[in-house]
């Protein structure tokens, strides 16, 4: 095909099928442009984006401030590696640590890299500070978790599709039920070798499971009482998605920062990614205070691209947007409207059993089995009707639009969703 020929959706899908590894199963929609809450396919059809690149595009597609910062920095200096200092990294490190209230940050690129980094820091802290014998540290994780797909991470995953035939697996993890304080207490007190507790404040990939209101606070208290690090994976839930700056802010209703509020649970290690760049560039970060982060010494962990000047500039612009445009507050307000309107519909529905979520991270559960195609077919019809969403775990559909959405747009989307679902009522 000539580079001058216009690529059709069928052409693009065929190219990916022929030349790309088949490690994803996308909806058959080929996007070529995005702006704010909208995306357009190669034929020019407009859609509402209700996935936001798995919450990476909280600030909306191609936000001018973020894109502008990226272009300006890319025209000046893109990469030095960490063999040398550059004039952007230190500025960014000061900015992000103050923004989230920690002493230090270790910059990485992807969410999975950041999770791996947090696990390494936790283990090293356990050996050098807590006094656990080397190679004996154990980290507690939750069933139904999704922290990525690296070899270490799939070792403690329940997703057999992600695990099968990728072993042998990494040892050192204890799995317990999610949102079960008694199980956590039993695991923490079962051994002197417990180093940390890794948890998603809301389990997104598992179907947007929101734990009990006091779960995180009780979990943090248990960790503190037993000298165990509380590690919050906020790659998907962080950066205003759930109606507060971080999901560990609980029910905080402050205007911007949440670290001083009574509902806030301070993680010992905070993992961020996705929306920390507004989806414009791969950026992730691990934050902790000196007593923990200082166990990392030169040569013990790193990344050629981690903390590069473009990433630093993009991340600062992206976090500026969150503050300046009050995205946490908007997510909180619109999320309440979304759940209330869907709940009204569900009262008389036989195709949807419930809606759940927090802020603008929500999901509906379809009245069918996990191995059915109903949720997929609903998403195909939603796309036909101008809204893009994707099933997770077979019979659950996750809804996570960009946080720059306004109420008029949201109500239009609610109408599309409800009218689409009505077509599947028996």
Protein backbone atom coordinates (compact mmCIF):
# COMPACT_ATOMS: atom_id res chain seq x y z
CA UNK A 1 0.00 0.00 0.00
CA UNK A 2 1.35 3.43 -0.94
CA UNK A 3 1.91 5.82 1.95
CA UNK A 4 -0.22 8.33 0.01
CA UNK A 5 -3.26 6.04 -0.05
CA UNK A 6 -5.92 6.66 2.58
CA UNK A 7 -6.02 3.86 5.13
CA UNK A 8 -9.47 2.41 5.75
CA UNK A 9 -10.54 0.73 8.99
CA UNK A 10 -10.39 -2.66 7.28
CA UNK A 11 -6.87 -1.91 6.01
CA UNK A 12 -5.62 -0.89 9.44
CA UNK A 13 -7.11 -3.94 11.16
CA UNK A 14 -5.66 -6.24 8.51
CA UNK A 15 -2.18 -4.72 8.94
CA UNK A 16 -2.25 -5.22 12.72
CA UNK A 17 -3.51 -8.77 12.27
CA UNK A 18 -0.77 -9.59 9.79
CA UNK A 19 2.24 -7.87 11.35
CA UNK A 20 1.43 -7.40 15.05
CA UNK A 21 1.45 -9.92 17.88
CA UNK A 22 -2.09 -10.96 18.79
CA UNK A 23 -1.88 -9.97 22.45
CA UNK A 24 -4.98 -7.73 22.42
CA UNK A 25 -8.59 -8.12 21.29
CA UNK A 26 -9.73 -4.58 20.43
CA UNK A 27 -13.14 -3.45 19.36
CA UNK A 28 -13.07 -3.15 15.54
CA UNK A 29 -12.82 0.65 15.61
CA UNK A 30 -9.78 2.37 14.08
CA UNK A 31 -9.16 5.78 15.64
CA UNK A 32 -7.16 8.52 13.97
CA UNK A 33 -7.86 11.69 15.96
CA UNK A 34 -8.85 12.79 19.44
CA UNK A 35 -9.80 16.04 21.16
CA UNK A 36 -11.15 16.42 24.67
CA UNK A 37 -13.82 13.77 25.28
CA UNK A 38 -14.12 12.84 21.60
CA UNK A 39 -12.28 10.54 19.20
CA UNK A 40 -12.80 10.04 15.46
CA UNK A 41 -12.20 6.95 13.34
CA UNK A 42 -10.43 6.95 9.98
CA UNK A 43 -13.76 7.31 8.18
CA UNK A 44 -14.55 10.44 10.20
CA UNK A 45 -17.18 9.07 12.61
CA UNK A 46 -17.16 10.80 16.01
CA UNK A 47 -17.39 8.90 19.32
CA UNK A 48 -17.46 9.70 23.00
CA UNK A 49 -14.45 8.01 24.59
CA UNK A 50 -15.67 6.17 27.67
CA UNK A 51 -12.44 4.30 28.38
CA UNK A 52 -9.86 7.12 28.35
CA UNK A 53 -7.06 4.69 27.44
CA UNK A 54 -7.71 2.85 30.72
CA UNK A 55 -7.75 6.20 32.59
CA UNK A 56 -4.53 7.53 31.05
CA UNK A 57 -6.36 10.37 29.29
CA UNK A 58 -8.03 11.93 32.34
CA UNK A 59 -7.19 15.41 31.05
CA UNK A 60 -8.83 14.70 27.68
CA UNK A 61 -7.28 13.85 24.34
CA UNK A 62 -4.50 16.10 23.10
CA UNK A 63 -4.84 18.70 25.86
CA UNK A 64 -3.14 21.82 24.43
CA UNK A 65 -1.16 22.62 27.58
CA UNK A 66 0.25 19.09 27.83
CA UNK A 67 0.96 18.77 24.11
CA UNK A 68 2.53 22.23 24.12
CA UNK A 69 4.87 21.29 26.96
CA UNK A 70 5.84 18.10 25.14
CA UNK A 71 6.57 19.88 21.85
CA UNK A 72 8.58 22.65 23.49
CA UNK A 73 10.75 20.20 25.43
CA UNK A 74 11.13 17.80 22.48
CA UNK A 75 12.55 20.68 20.44
CA UNK A 76 15.12 21.44 23.14
CA UNK A 77 16.35 18.22 24.79
CA UNK A 78 14.73 14.79 24.73
CA UNK A 79 17.06 12.38 26.50
CA UNK A 80 20.33 12.40 28.40
CA UNK A 81 19.99 9.08 30.25
CA UNK A 82 20.81 9.29 33.94
CA UNK A 83 24.54 9.31 33.19
CA UNK A 84 24.27 13.10 33.39
CA UNK A 85 22.07 15.66 35.11
CA UNK A 86 19.57 17.68 33.10
CA UNK A 87 17.75 20.91 33.86
CA UNK A 88 14.25 19.39 34.00
CA UNK A 89 14.43 16.32 36.22
CA UNK A 90 15.19 18.03 39.52
CA UNK A 91 12.48 20.62 38.90
CA UNK A 92 9.99 17.82 38.20
CA UNK A 93 11.08 15.81 41.23
CA UNK A 94 10.53 18.81 43.51
CA UNK A 95 7.16 19.47 41.84
CA UNK A 96 5.73 15.96 42.12
CA UNK A 97 6.97 15.24 45.64
CA UNK A 98 5.39 18.46 46.89
CA UNK A 99 2.23 17.79 44.89
CA UNK A 100 1.65 14.42 46.53
CA UNK A 101 3.38 15.05 49.86
CA UNK A 102 6.43 12.73 49.81
CA UNK A 103 10.17 13.21 50.28
CA UNK A 104 11.37 11.46 47.16
CA UNK A 105 10.33 10.07 43.78
CA UNK A 106 11.86 7.35 41.62
CA UNK A 107 10.77 8.10 38.03
CA UNK A 108 9.95 5.30 35.60
CA UNK A 109 7.97 4.96 32.36
CA UNK A 110 5.14 2.42 32.58
CA UNK A 111 2.76 1.31 35.30
CA UNK A 112 4.16 -2.22 35.41
CA UNK A 113 7.70 -0.85 35.73
CA UNK A 114 6.56 1.28 38.64
CA UNK A 115 4.96 -1.70 40.39
CA UNK A 116 8.15 -3.73 39.92
CA UNK A 117 10.13 -0.80 41.32
CA UNK A 118 7.90 -0.59 44.39
CA UNK A 119 8.30 -4.33 45.03
CA UNK A 120 12.09 -4.02 44.84
CA UNK A 121 12.13 -1.04 47.19
CA UNK A 122 9.86 -2.86 49.64
CA UNK A 123 12.06 -5.96 49.69
CA UNK A 124 15.27 -3.98 50.08
CA UNK A 125 13.76 -1.98 52.93
CA UNK A 126 12.66 -5.23 54.58
CA UNK A 127 16.17 -6.66 54.53
CA UNK A 128 18.09 -3.51 55.43
CA UNK A 129 15.67 -1.74 57.79
CA UNK A 130 13.24 -4.28 59.20
CA UNK A 131 15.84 -7.04 59.55
CA UNK A 132 14.14 -9.80 57.58
CA UNK A 133 16.62 -12.43 56.41
CA UNK A 134 17.64 -11.98 52.78
CA UNK A 135 15.38 -13.78 50.26
CA UNK A 136 12.75 -14.45 52.95
CA UNK A 137 10.58 -11.33 52.52
CA UNK A 138 6.92 -11.84 51.68
CA UNK A 139 4.50 -9.31 50.22
CA UNK A 140 0.73 -9.63 50.65
CA UNK A 141 -1.43 -9.06 47.57
CA UNK A 142 -5.16 -9.32 46.87
CA UNK A 143 -7.07 -11.83 44.81
CA UNK A 144 -8.49 -10.31 41.65
CA UNK A 145 -5.60 -7.85 41.43
CA UNK A 146 -4.27 -6.29 38.25
CA UNK A 147 -0.85 -4.71 38.58
CA UNK A 148 0.53 -5.47 35.11
CA UNK A 149 1.79 -8.43 33.12
CA UNK A 150 5.50 -8.76 33.84
CA UNK A 151 6.76 -12.16 34.99
CA UNK A 152 6.87 -11.15 38.64
CA UNK A 153 3.43 -9.58 38.58
CA UNK A 154 1.66 -12.46 36.86
CA UNK A 155 3.19 -14.71 39.52
CA UNK A 156 0.58 -13.38 41.95
CA UNK A 157 -2.24 -12.83 39.45
CA UNK A 158 -5.52 -14.78 39.42
CA UNK A 159 -5.89 -14.27 35.68
CA UNK A 160 -5.04 -17.66 34.24
CA UNK A 161 -5.03 -16.25 30.72
CA UNK A 162 -2.17 -13.95 31.76
CA UNK A 163 -0.39 -16.70 33.75
CA UNK A 164 -0.70 -19.99 31.88
CA UNK A 165 2.50 -21.22 30.21
CA UNK A 166 4.57 -18.26 31.42
CA UNK A 167 6.07 -19.96 34.48
CA UNK A 168 8.11 -20.69 36.49
CA UNK A 169 6.71 -17.98 38.70
CA UNK A 170 8.33 -15.66 41.22
CA UNK A 171 7.95 -16.66 44.86
CA UNK A 172 7.43 -14.41 47.87
CA UNK A 173 3.77 -13.40 47.63
CA UNK A 174 0.73 -14.24 49.78
CA UNK A 175 -2.71 -13.83 48.21
CA UNK A 176 -5.72 -12.91 50.33
CA UNK A 177 -9.31 -11.91 49.47
CA UNK A 178 -9.82 -8.24 48.60
CA UNK A 179 -11.71 -6.05 51.07
CA UNK A 180 -11.24 -8.55 53.89
CA UNK A 181 -9.59 -7.02 56.95
CA UNK A 182 -9.65 -10.26 58.92
CA UNK A 183 -7.77 -12.04 56.14
CA UNK A 184 -5.22 -9.23 56.05
CA UNK A 185 -4.71 -9.32 59.81
CA UNK A 186 -4.24 -13.08 59.74
CA UNK A 187 -1.69 -12.85 56.93
CA UNK A 188 0.25 -9.97 58.50
CA UNK A 189 0.50 -11.68 61.88
CA UNK A 190 1.25 -15.14 60.44
CA UNK A 191 4.94 -14.47 59.89
CA UNK A 192 7.73 -12.14 60.92
CA UNK A 193 8.76 -11.99 57.25
CA UNK A 194 5.90 -9.82 55.97
CA UNK A 195 7.44 -6.81 54.23
CA UNK A 196 4.51 -5.09 52.54
CA UNK A 197 0.88 -5.05 51.48
CA UNK A 198 0.28 -4.14 47.83
CA UNK A 199 -3.28 -3.05 47.06
CA UNK A 200 -5.39 -1.22 44.50
CA UNK A 201 -7.68 1.22 46.37
CA UNK A 202 -10.33 0.23 43.83
CA UNK A 203 -9.88 -2.89 41.71
CA UNK A 204 -10.41 -1.51 38.23
CA UNK A 205 -9.63 -4.39 35.89
CA UNK A 206 -11.51 -6.80 38.14
CA UNK A 207 -14.71 -4.87 37.47
CA UNK A 208 -14.43 -1.62 39.46
CA UNK A 209 -14.77 -3.20 42.89
CA UNK A 210 -14.98 -0.47 45.54
CA UNK A 211 -14.07 -1.73 49.03
CA UNK A 212 -15.82 -0.86 52.29
CA UNK A 213 -15.35 2.78 53.30
CA UNK A 214 -13.07 1.91 56.22
CA UNK A 215 -11.08 -0.83 54.46
CA UNK A 216 -8.05 1.24 53.49
CA UNK A 217 -7.82 3.01 56.84
CA UNK A 218 -8.00 -0.28 58.73
CA UNK A 219 -5.48 -1.86 56.37
CA UNK A 220 -3.04 1.01 56.87
CA UNK A 221 -3.44 0.80 60.65
CA UNK A 222 -2.66 -2.93 60.56
CA UNK A 223 0.42 -2.27 58.47
CA UNK A 224 1.65 0.45 60.83
CA UNK A 225 1.10 -1.71 63.89
CA UNK A 226 3.17 -4.53 62.38
CA UNK A 227 5.94 -2.56 60.64
CA UNK A 228 4.67 -3.53 57.20
CA UNK A 229 4.76 -1.15 54.23
CA UNK A 230 1.39 -0.10 52.80
CA UNK A 231 1.85 0.11 49.00
CA UNK A 232 -0.95 1.79 47.03
CA UNK A 233 -1.13 1.04 43.31
CA UNK A 234 -2.88 4.16 41.98
CA UNK A 235 -1.81 3.73 38.36
CA UNK A 236 -5.45 3.61 37.24
CA UNK A 237 -7.29 5.17 40.18
CA UNK A 238 -4.97 8.11 40.84
CA UNK A 239 -4.81 11.65 39.44
CA UNK A 240 -8.44 12.69 40.09
CA UNK A 241 -10.17 9.71 38.45
CA UNK A 242 -12.21 8.71 41.50
CA UNK A 243 -13.25 12.21 42.58
CA UNK A 244 -10.24 13.00 44.75
CA UNK A 245 -6.60 13.46 43.91
CA UNK A 246 -5.94 9.86 44.93
CA UNK A 247 -8.39 7.06 45.61
CA UNK A 248 -6.77 6.57 49.01
CA UNK A 249 -8.22 9.96 49.88
CA UNK A 250 -11.39 8.04 50.66
CA UNK A 251 -14.43 10.32 50.86
CA UNK A 252 -12.38 13.48 51.00
CA UNK A 253 -14.20 16.54 49.64
CA UNK A 254 -11.38 19.05 49.70
CA UNK A 255 -10.89 21.37 46.74
CA UNK A 256 -7.50 20.10 45.61
CA UNK A 257 -4.93 18.32 47.78
CA UNK A 258 -6.14 15.55 50.05
CA UNK A 259 -3.12 14.72 52.15
CA UNK A 260 -4.16 16.87 55.13
CA UNK A 261 -7.74 15.62 55.29
CA UNK A 262 -8.99 13.17 57.90
CA UNK A 263 -10.16 10.71 55.24
CA UNK A 264 -6.73 10.42 53.69
CA UNK A 265 -4.68 7.27 54.06
CA UNK A 266 -0.99 7.99 53.52
CA UNK A 267 0.68 5.11 51.67
CA UNK A 268 4.24 4.23 52.57
CA UNK A 269 4.84 3.75 48.86
CA UNK A 270 2.63 5.36 46.19
CA UNK A 271 2.64 4.06 42.61
CA UNK A 272 1.44 6.37 39.81
CA UNK A 273 1.26 6.12 36.03
CA UNK A 274 -1.19 6.59 33.16
CA UNK A 275 -2.80 10.02 33.74
CA UNK A 276 0.33 11.44 35.32
CA UNK A 277 1.16 12.33 31.70
CA UNK A 278 -2.38 12.90 30.43
CA UNK A 279 -1.78 10.04 28.03
CA UNK A 280 0.69 12.05 25.98
CA UNK A 281 3.84 10.15 26.92
CA UNK A 282 4.82 7.10 29.00
CA UNK A 283 5.43 8.37 32.55
CA UNK A 284 5.21 6.57 35.87
CA UNK A 285 6.50 7.28 39.35
CA UNK A 286 7.10 5.66 42.71
CA UNK A 287 6.95 8.01 45.70
CA UNK A 288 8.08 7.37 49.28
CA UNK A 289 9.71 9.16 52.19
CA UNK A 290 13.45 9.13 52.87
CA UNK A 291 13.35 6.33 55.44
CA UNK A 292 12.18 3.99 52.68
CA UNK A 293 13.50 5.46 49.42
CA UNK A 294 17.05 5.93 50.68
CA UNK A 295 17.65 2.17 50.61
CA UNK A 296 18.15 2.56 46.84
CA UNK A 297 21.76 3.35 45.97
CA UNK A 298 23.50 4.07 42.61
CA UNK A 299 23.43 1.14 40.23
CA UNK A 300 20.72 -0.77 42.09
CA UNK A 301 17.76 0.32 39.96
CA UNK A 302 17.20 2.54 36.95
CA UNK A 303 15.88 3.16 33.47
CA UNK A 304 17.42 4.85 30.43
CA UNK A 305 14.22 6.75 29.75
CA UNK A 306 12.95 7.10 33.33
CA UNK A 307 12.81 10.79 34.27
CA UNK A 308 13.80 12.05 30.83
CA UNK A 309 13.27 15.77 30.12
CA UNK A 310 10.17 15.27 27.95
CA UNK A 311 8.53 13.08 30.58
CA UNK A 312 9.31 15.65 33.26
CA UNK A 313 7.83 18.54 31.29
CA UNK A 314 4.75 16.56 30.28
CA UNK A 315 4.02 15.32 33.81
CA UNK A 316 4.22 18.79 35.34
CA UNK A 317 1.86 20.17 32.70
CA UNK A 318 -0.54 17.25 33.18
CA UNK A 319 -0.70 17.73 36.94
CA UNK A 320 -1.12 21.49 36.47
CA UNK A 321 -4.22 20.75 34.39
CA UNK A 322 -5.68 18.57 37.15
CA UNK A 323 -5.41 21.48 39.58
CA UNK A 324 -6.31 24.35 37.27
CA UNK A 325 -9.37 22.66 35.77
CA UNK A 326 -10.63 21.15 39.05
CA UNK A 327 -10.81 17.68 37.55
CA UNK A 328 -11.22 15.84 40.86
CA UNK A 329 -14.23 17.93 41.74
CA UNK A 330 -15.72 17.46 38.28
CA UNK A 331 -15.23 13.69 38.47
CA UNK A 332 -16.91 13.60 41.88
CA UNK A 333 -19.92 15.63 40.69
CA UNK A 334 -20.42 13.82 37.37
CA UNK A 335 -19.85 10.39 38.91
CA UNK A 336 -22.74 10.91 41.29
CA UNK A 337 -25.01 11.89 38.41
CA UNK A 338 -23.91 8.90 36.34
CA UNK A 339 -24.53 6.32 39.08
CA UNK A 340 -27.85 7.89 40.09
CA UNK A 341 -29.21 7.89 36.53
CA UNK A 342 -28.03 4.35 35.80
CA UNK A 343 -29.45 3.14 39.12
CA UNK A 344 -32.87 4.52 38.15
CA UNK A 345 -32.76 2.60 34.89
CA UNK A 346 -31.57 -0.59 36.60
CA UNK A 347 -34.63 -0.61 38.87
CA UNK A 348 -36.71 -1.83 35.93
CA UNK A 349 -33.99 -3.51 33.87
CA UNK A 350 -33.49 -7.22 33.32
CA UNK A 351 -30.22 -6.80 31.40
CA UNK A 352 -28.20 -4.89 34.05
CA UNK A 353 -28.03 -5.93 37.70
CA UNK A 354 -26.06 -3.06 39.25
CA UNK A 355 -23.86 -0.03 38.76
CA UNK A 356 -20.88 0.66 41.01
CA UNK A 357 -17.88 2.93 41.18
CA UNK A 358 -16.49 6.17 42.50
CA UNK A 359 -15.96 9.45 40.69
CA UNK A 360 -15.79 8.75 36.97
CA UNK A 361 -14.53 5.19 37.35
CA UNK A 362 -17.70 3.10 37.10
CA UNK A 363 -18.97 -0.21 35.82
CA UNK A 364 -22.23 -2.00 35.15
CA UNK A 365 -22.75 -5.72 35.63
CA UNK A 366 -24.61 -7.42 32.79
CA UNK A 367 -27.17 -10.07 33.70
CA UNK A 368 -25.32 -12.93 32.00
CA UNK A 369 -22.45 -15.33 32.62
CA UNK A 370 -18.82 -14.29 32.38
CA UNK A 371 -18.28 -16.49 29.32
CA UNK A 372 -21.19 -14.94 27.40
CA UNK A 373 -20.82 -12.43 24.55
CA UNK A 374 -23.60 -10.14 25.76
CA UNK A 375 -21.33 -7.43 27.19
CA UNK A 376 -19.18 -7.49 24.04
CA UNK A 377 -22.27 -7.20 21.84
CA UNK A 378 -23.51 -4.28 23.95
CA UNK A 379 -20.16 -2.53 23.49
CA UNK A 380 -20.35 -3.12 19.74
CA UNK A 381 -23.81 -1.52 19.70
CA UNK A 382 -22.57 1.35 21.89
CA UNK A 383 -19.84 2.01 19.33
CA UNK A 384 -22.44 1.99 16.57
CA UNK A 385 -24.34 4.57 18.62
CA UNK A 386 -21.27 6.78 19.08
CA UNK A 387 -19.79 5.74 22.44
CA UNK A 388 -16.70 3.58 23.05
CA UNK A 389 -16.42 1.26 26.06
CA UNK A 390 -14.98 -2.20 26.63
CA UNK A 391 -15.99 -5.27 28.65
CA UNK A 392 -13.85 -6.58 31.47
CA UNK A 393 -14.21 -10.03 33.01
CA UNK A 394 -16.80 -11.06 30.45
CA UNK A 395 -20.03 -9.62 31.83
CA UNK A 396 -18.87 -6.26 33.20
CA UNK A 397 -18.60 -3.02 31.21
CA UNK A 398 -16.31 -0.31 32.56
CA UNK A 399 -17.14 3.36 31.96
CA UNK A 400 -14.33 5.89 32.45
CA UNK A 401 -14.63 9.05 30.30
CA UNK A 402 -12.08 11.88 30.32
CA UNK A 403 -12.51 14.07 33.40
CA UNK A 404 -12.88 17.21 31.27
CA UNK A 405 -16.39 16.05 30.31
CA UNK A 406 -19.19 18.48 31.16
CA UNK A 407 -22.66 17.66 32.48
CA UNK A 408 -24.40 18.16 29.14
CA UNK A 409 -22.03 15.70 27.47
CA UNK A 410 -22.41 13.24 30.33
CA UNK A 411 -26.19 13.29 30.12
CA UNK A 412 -25.98 12.73 26.36
CA UNK A 413 -23.78 9.71 27.06
CA UNK A 414 -26.15 8.40 29.71
CA UNK A 415 -28.94 8.52 27.14
CA UNK A 416 -26.82 6.61 24.62
CA UNK A 417 -25.95 3.95 27.22
CA UNK A 418 -29.51 3.49 28.50
CA UNK A 419 -31.08 3.44 25.02
CA UNK A 420 -28.49 0.91 23.89
CA UNK A 421 -29.12 -1.31 26.90
CA UNK A 422 -32.87 -1.16 26.32
CA UNK A 423 -32.35 -2.80 22.94
CA UNK A 424 -30.98 -5.85 24.79
CA UNK A 425 -33.86 -6.15 27.25
CA UNK A 426 -35.73 -9.41 26.79
